[in-house]
Protein backbone atom coordinates (compact mmCIF):
# COMPACT_ATOMS: atom_id res chain seq x y z
CA MET A 1 -0.16 0.36 -0.10
CA LYS A 2 1.57 3.73 -1.06
CA GLN A 3 2.42 6.11 1.96
CA LEU A 4 -0.36 8.08 3.93
CA THR A 5 1.36 11.63 3.45
CA SER A 6 -1.39 12.63 1.71
CA TYR A 7 -4.80 13.78 2.40
CA ASN A 8 -7.13 12.13 0.16
CA ARG A 9 -5.41 9.07 0.33
CA VAL A 10 -5.56 9.29 3.92
CA ALA A 11 -9.52 11.07 4.08
CA GLY A 12 -10.10 7.93 2.51
CA TYR A 13 -8.06 5.28 4.96
CA LEU A 14 -10.40 6.69 7.95
CA ASN A 15 -13.54 5.92 5.51
CA LYS A 16 -12.00 3.20 4.93
CA ILE A 17 -10.88 2.05 8.58
CA PHE A 18 -14.77 2.84 9.67
CA ASP A 19 -16.33 0.33 7.61
CA LEU A 20 -14.17 -2.17 8.76
CA LEU A 21 -15.06 -1.22 12.29
CA ASN A 22 -18.80 -0.71 11.79
CA GLN A 23 -18.73 -3.91 10.77
CA ALA A 24 -16.63 -5.51 13.47
CA TYR A 25 -18.33 -4.13 16.48
CA PHE A 26 -21.49 -3.31 14.82
CA GLU A 27 -22.73 -5.40 12.42
CA SER A 28 -22.47 -2.34 9.81
CA THR A 29 -25.94 -1.28 11.36
CA LEU A 30 -24.06 2.51 11.41
CA SER A 31 -24.39 4.48 8.47
CA ARG A 32 -21.66 6.79 7.41
CA PRO A 33 -21.00 9.48 8.62
CA THR A 34 -19.06 12.14 6.40
CA ILE A 35 -15.35 11.45 8.32
CA THR A 36 -13.83 14.93 8.14
CA ILE A 37 -9.94 16.13 8.96
CA GLN A 38 -10.35 19.77 11.30
CA SER A 39 -8.42 21.04 13.51
CA THR A 40 -9.90 20.48 17.27
CA PRO A 41 -8.63 22.27 20.25
CA LYS A 42 -8.16 19.72 23.61
CA ALA A 43 -9.92 17.31 21.77
CA TYR A 44 -9.01 13.94 19.25
CA GLY A 45 -11.95 13.98 17.93
CA HIS A 46 -15.34 14.62 18.02
CA PHE A 47 -19.02 13.63 16.84
CA SER A 48 -22.09 16.02 15.83
CA LEU A 49 -25.64 14.86 16.32
CA SER A 50 -27.48 16.93 14.03
CA GLU A 51 -28.34 14.71 11.46
CA ASP A 52 -28.00 16.86 8.70
CA THR A 53 -24.84 18.56 9.42
CA TRP A 54 -23.13 18.01 6.34
CA VAL A 55 -25.89 17.92 3.25
CA SER A 56 -26.41 17.04 -0.45
CA LYS A 57 -27.90 16.00 -2.86
CA LEU A 58 -28.37 12.10 -2.04
CA GLY A 59 -29.42 13.93 1.61
CA ALA A 60 -27.56 14.07 4.93
CA THR A 61 -25.50 12.57 7.28
CA HIS A 62 -23.88 12.90 11.07
CA GLU A 63 -20.24 14.63 11.22
CA ILE A 64 -16.90 12.19 12.73
CA ASN A 65 -13.94 14.30 13.11
CA ILE A 66 -10.76 13.35 13.69
CA GLY A 67 -8.23 15.87 14.81
CA ALA A 68 -6.35 17.84 12.14
CA GLY A 69 -2.96 17.72 14.45
CA THR A 70 -3.47 13.88 15.57
CA LEU A 71 -3.29 11.61 12.71
CA ALA A 72 0.30 11.09 12.93
CA ARG A 73 -0.11 9.55 16.32
CA PRO A 74 0.81 6.10 16.08
CA ILE A 75 -2.32 4.08 14.09
CA GLU A 76 -4.17 2.77 17.09
CA GLU A 77 -4.36 5.22 18.92
CA VAL A 78 -6.11 6.80 15.93
CA THR A 79 -8.92 4.04 15.69
CA ALA A 80 -9.23 3.81 19.01
CA THR A 81 -10.40 8.07 18.38
CA LEU A 82 -12.55 6.49 15.96
CA LEU A 83 -13.87 4.20 17.84
CA HIS A 84 -15.37 5.98 20.84
CA GLU A 85 -16.73 8.50 18.35
CA MET A 86 -17.83 5.62 16.58
CA VAL A 87 -19.80 4.34 20.02
CA HIS A 88 -21.66 7.78 20.34
CA TYR A 89 -23.06 7.61 17.36
CA TYR A 90 -24.22 3.64 18.00
CA ASN A 91 -25.86 5.24 21.65
CA PHE A 92 -27.07 8.27 19.74
CA GLU A 93 -29.69 5.87 17.05
CA ASN A 94 -30.41 3.75 19.66
CA GLY A 95 -31.01 6.75 21.27
CA VAL A 96 -28.94 6.33 24.40
CA LYS A 97 -28.03 9.29 25.99
CA ASP A 98 -24.07 8.23 27.11
CA THR A 99 -22.86 12.49 28.03
CA SER A 100 -24.06 15.09 30.31
CA ARG A 101 -22.31 18.26 30.80
CA GLY A 102 -22.57 19.73 28.12
CA TYR A 103 -22.00 16.90 26.70
CA THR A 104 -18.03 16.08 28.27
CA TYR A 105 -18.88 15.02 31.22
CA HIS A 106 -19.31 10.53 29.42
CA ASN A 107 -21.12 8.62 31.64
CA ARG A 108 -21.66 4.68 32.45
CA ARG A 109 -24.03 4.28 29.15
CA PHE A 110 -20.78 5.23 27.62
CA LYS A 111 -18.48 3.16 29.55
CA ASP A 112 -20.62 -0.10 28.82
CA ALA A 113 -21.13 1.09 25.33
CA ALA A 114 -17.34 1.36 25.25
CA GLU A 115 -15.61 -1.44 26.62
CA ALA A 116 -18.48 -3.58 24.91
CA ARG A 117 -16.79 -2.66 21.76
CA GLY A 118 -12.77 -3.04 22.17
CA LEU A 119 -11.32 0.09 23.81
CA ALA A 120 -10.74 0.19 27.66
CA VAL A 121 -11.85 3.09 29.69
CA GLU A 122 -11.15 4.61 32.71
CA HIS A 123 -12.92 8.15 34.30
CA SER A 124 -11.84 11.29 35.52
CA ASP A 125 -13.76 13.50 37.67
CA LYS A 126 -13.90 16.25 34.90
CA TYR A 127 -14.53 14.27 31.62
CA GLY A 128 -16.18 10.91 33.45
CA TRP A 129 -15.96 7.49 32.18
CA ALA A 130 -13.84 8.99 28.80
CA HIS A 131 -10.79 8.03 29.15
CA THR A 132 -9.92 5.73 25.96
CA ALA A 133 -7.25 3.32 24.99
CA PRO A 134 -7.25 0.49 22.87
CA THR A 135 -7.10 -3.23 24.34
CA GLU A 136 -5.72 -6.40 22.73
CA GLU A 137 -8.40 -7.27 20.48
CA LEU A 138 -8.44 -3.77 18.80
CA LEU A 139 -5.24 -4.47 18.82
CA ASP A 140 -5.38 -7.43 17.21
CA PHE A 141 -7.94 -6.85 15.50
CA ILE A 142 -5.09 -3.76 13.52
CA ILE A 143 -3.22 -6.28 13.00
CA GLU A 144 -5.43 -8.60 11.72
CA ASN A 145 -5.91 -5.64 8.91
CA GLY A 146 -2.67 -4.49 8.72
CA LEU A 147 -3.54 -1.21 9.37
CA THR A 148 -0.94 1.11 9.17
CA ASP A 149 -0.12 4.63 11.05
CA ILE A 150 -0.79 7.45 9.66
CA LEU A 151 1.66 9.60 7.47
CA LEU A 152 0.71 13.85 7.50
CA ASN A 153 -0.40 16.12 10.51
CA ARG A 154 -1.52 19.38 10.25
CA ASN A 155 1.80 21.12 11.71
CA GLU A 156 -0.91 23.42 14.34
CA PHE A 157 2.11 25.66 16.43
CA THR A 158 3.04 27.84 12.92
CA GLY A 159 1.55 30.08 10.62
CA PHE A 160 -1.87 32.71 11.06
CA HIS A 161 -5.16 30.92 12.57
CA ALA A 162 -7.86 33.83 11.97
CA PRO A 163 -10.32 33.54 15.47
CA GLY A 164 -13.87 31.55 13.81
CA THR A 165 -17.14 31.61 16.25
CA GLY A 166 -19.36 28.81 14.83
CA THR A 167 -19.77 26.44 17.68
CA HIS A 168 -20.31 22.79 17.71
CA SER A 169 -23.49 20.07 19.65
CA GLY A 170 -21.56 16.72 19.70
CA THR A 171 -19.76 14.50 21.37
CA GLY A 172 -16.16 14.56 22.09
CA ASN A 173 -12.66 12.57 22.66
CA THR A 174 -10.92 14.89 24.82
CA LEU A 175 -8.75 13.25 27.70
CA PRO A 176 -4.87 11.91 26.78
CA ARG A 177 -3.76 8.90 24.64
CA LYS A 178 -0.93 6.47 26.35
CA ALA A 179 2.00 5.90 24.52
CA SER A 180 1.59 3.08 22.04
CA SER A 181 -0.01 -0.92 22.77
CA THR A 182 2.38 -1.90 19.54
CA ARG A 183 5.81 -2.82 17.66
CA LYS A 184 6.56 -1.43 14.33
CA TYR A 185 9.60 -4.32 12.49
CA ILE A 186 10.88 -2.82 8.93
CA CYS A 187 13.32 -4.96 6.70
CA PRO A 188 16.35 -2.76 6.83
CA CYS A 189 16.85 -3.30 3.15
CA CYS A 190 13.26 -3.28 1.35
CA GLY A 191 11.37 -1.09 4.07
CA ASN A 192 8.79 -3.89 4.11
CA SER A 193 7.38 -3.62 8.03
CA VAL A 194 4.55 -5.57 10.30
CA ARG A 195 3.13 -4.61 13.27
CA ALA A 196 3.16 -6.84 16.72
CA THR A 197 1.68 -6.45 20.67
CA LYS A 198 5.14 -7.70 21.88
CA ASN A 199 8.97 -7.92 21.20
CA VAL A 200 9.42 -10.58 18.56
CA ASN A 201 12.31 -11.90 16.59
CA ILE A 202 10.56 -11.76 13.11
CA GLY A 203 12.25 -11.71 9.39
CA CYS A 204 11.84 -10.45 5.90
CA LEU A 205 11.71 -13.16 3.42
CA ASP A 206 12.32 -11.49 0.60
CA CYS A 207 15.47 -9.97 1.36
CA ARG A 208 16.92 -12.93 4.40
CA GLU A 209 17.48 -10.03 6.38
CA GLN A 210 16.55 -9.72 10.29
CA MET A 211 13.70 -6.67 11.22
CA VAL A 212 14.74 -4.15 13.60
CA LEU A 213 12.49 -2.57 15.67
CA GLU A 214 11.16 1.68 14.36
CA MET A 215 12.71 3.25 17.38
């Protein structure tokens, strides 16, 4: 697969991951929303509650956004963010109120739905059950589907930015992530790579060389 260094390619890749997660964890019951890549200050992503956040001649959709400045995190973290927002989407579709305090405090309904779908959940006083991280099950899903890191990230520390005045009504993923839970091994000759959830000795059969851990 070509490296994920193009905005258009990354946007398509996020839709692919959505479809895979939808099939694995939601029995493909979620219609595809419009997945956007925009800046989300103090958040990794959000889900828009409005059913007509995006409109076209083909109809209207919700929005799931992945923070543009967070794309280059390990793929398991980006996938966990997308899955977090999909849990909000699933709960909304099924009439489950999973947040309060202006959609920031995640209650036990969110916790139960997230833990049933490959996410580990921890509690904080400010945001409730909103700390989500990939479980071993989700890591296995990522490896089995050959998902790879996104090599594109919006530089949000430079440049001129005009202040915005818009508001957003939705649910967000606002809490810090843990370090990567997988390891990436690369062939020093051809550059082929694989992921593993633990330290392994692995070789590239094409080059007959031992693969090395990416630092």
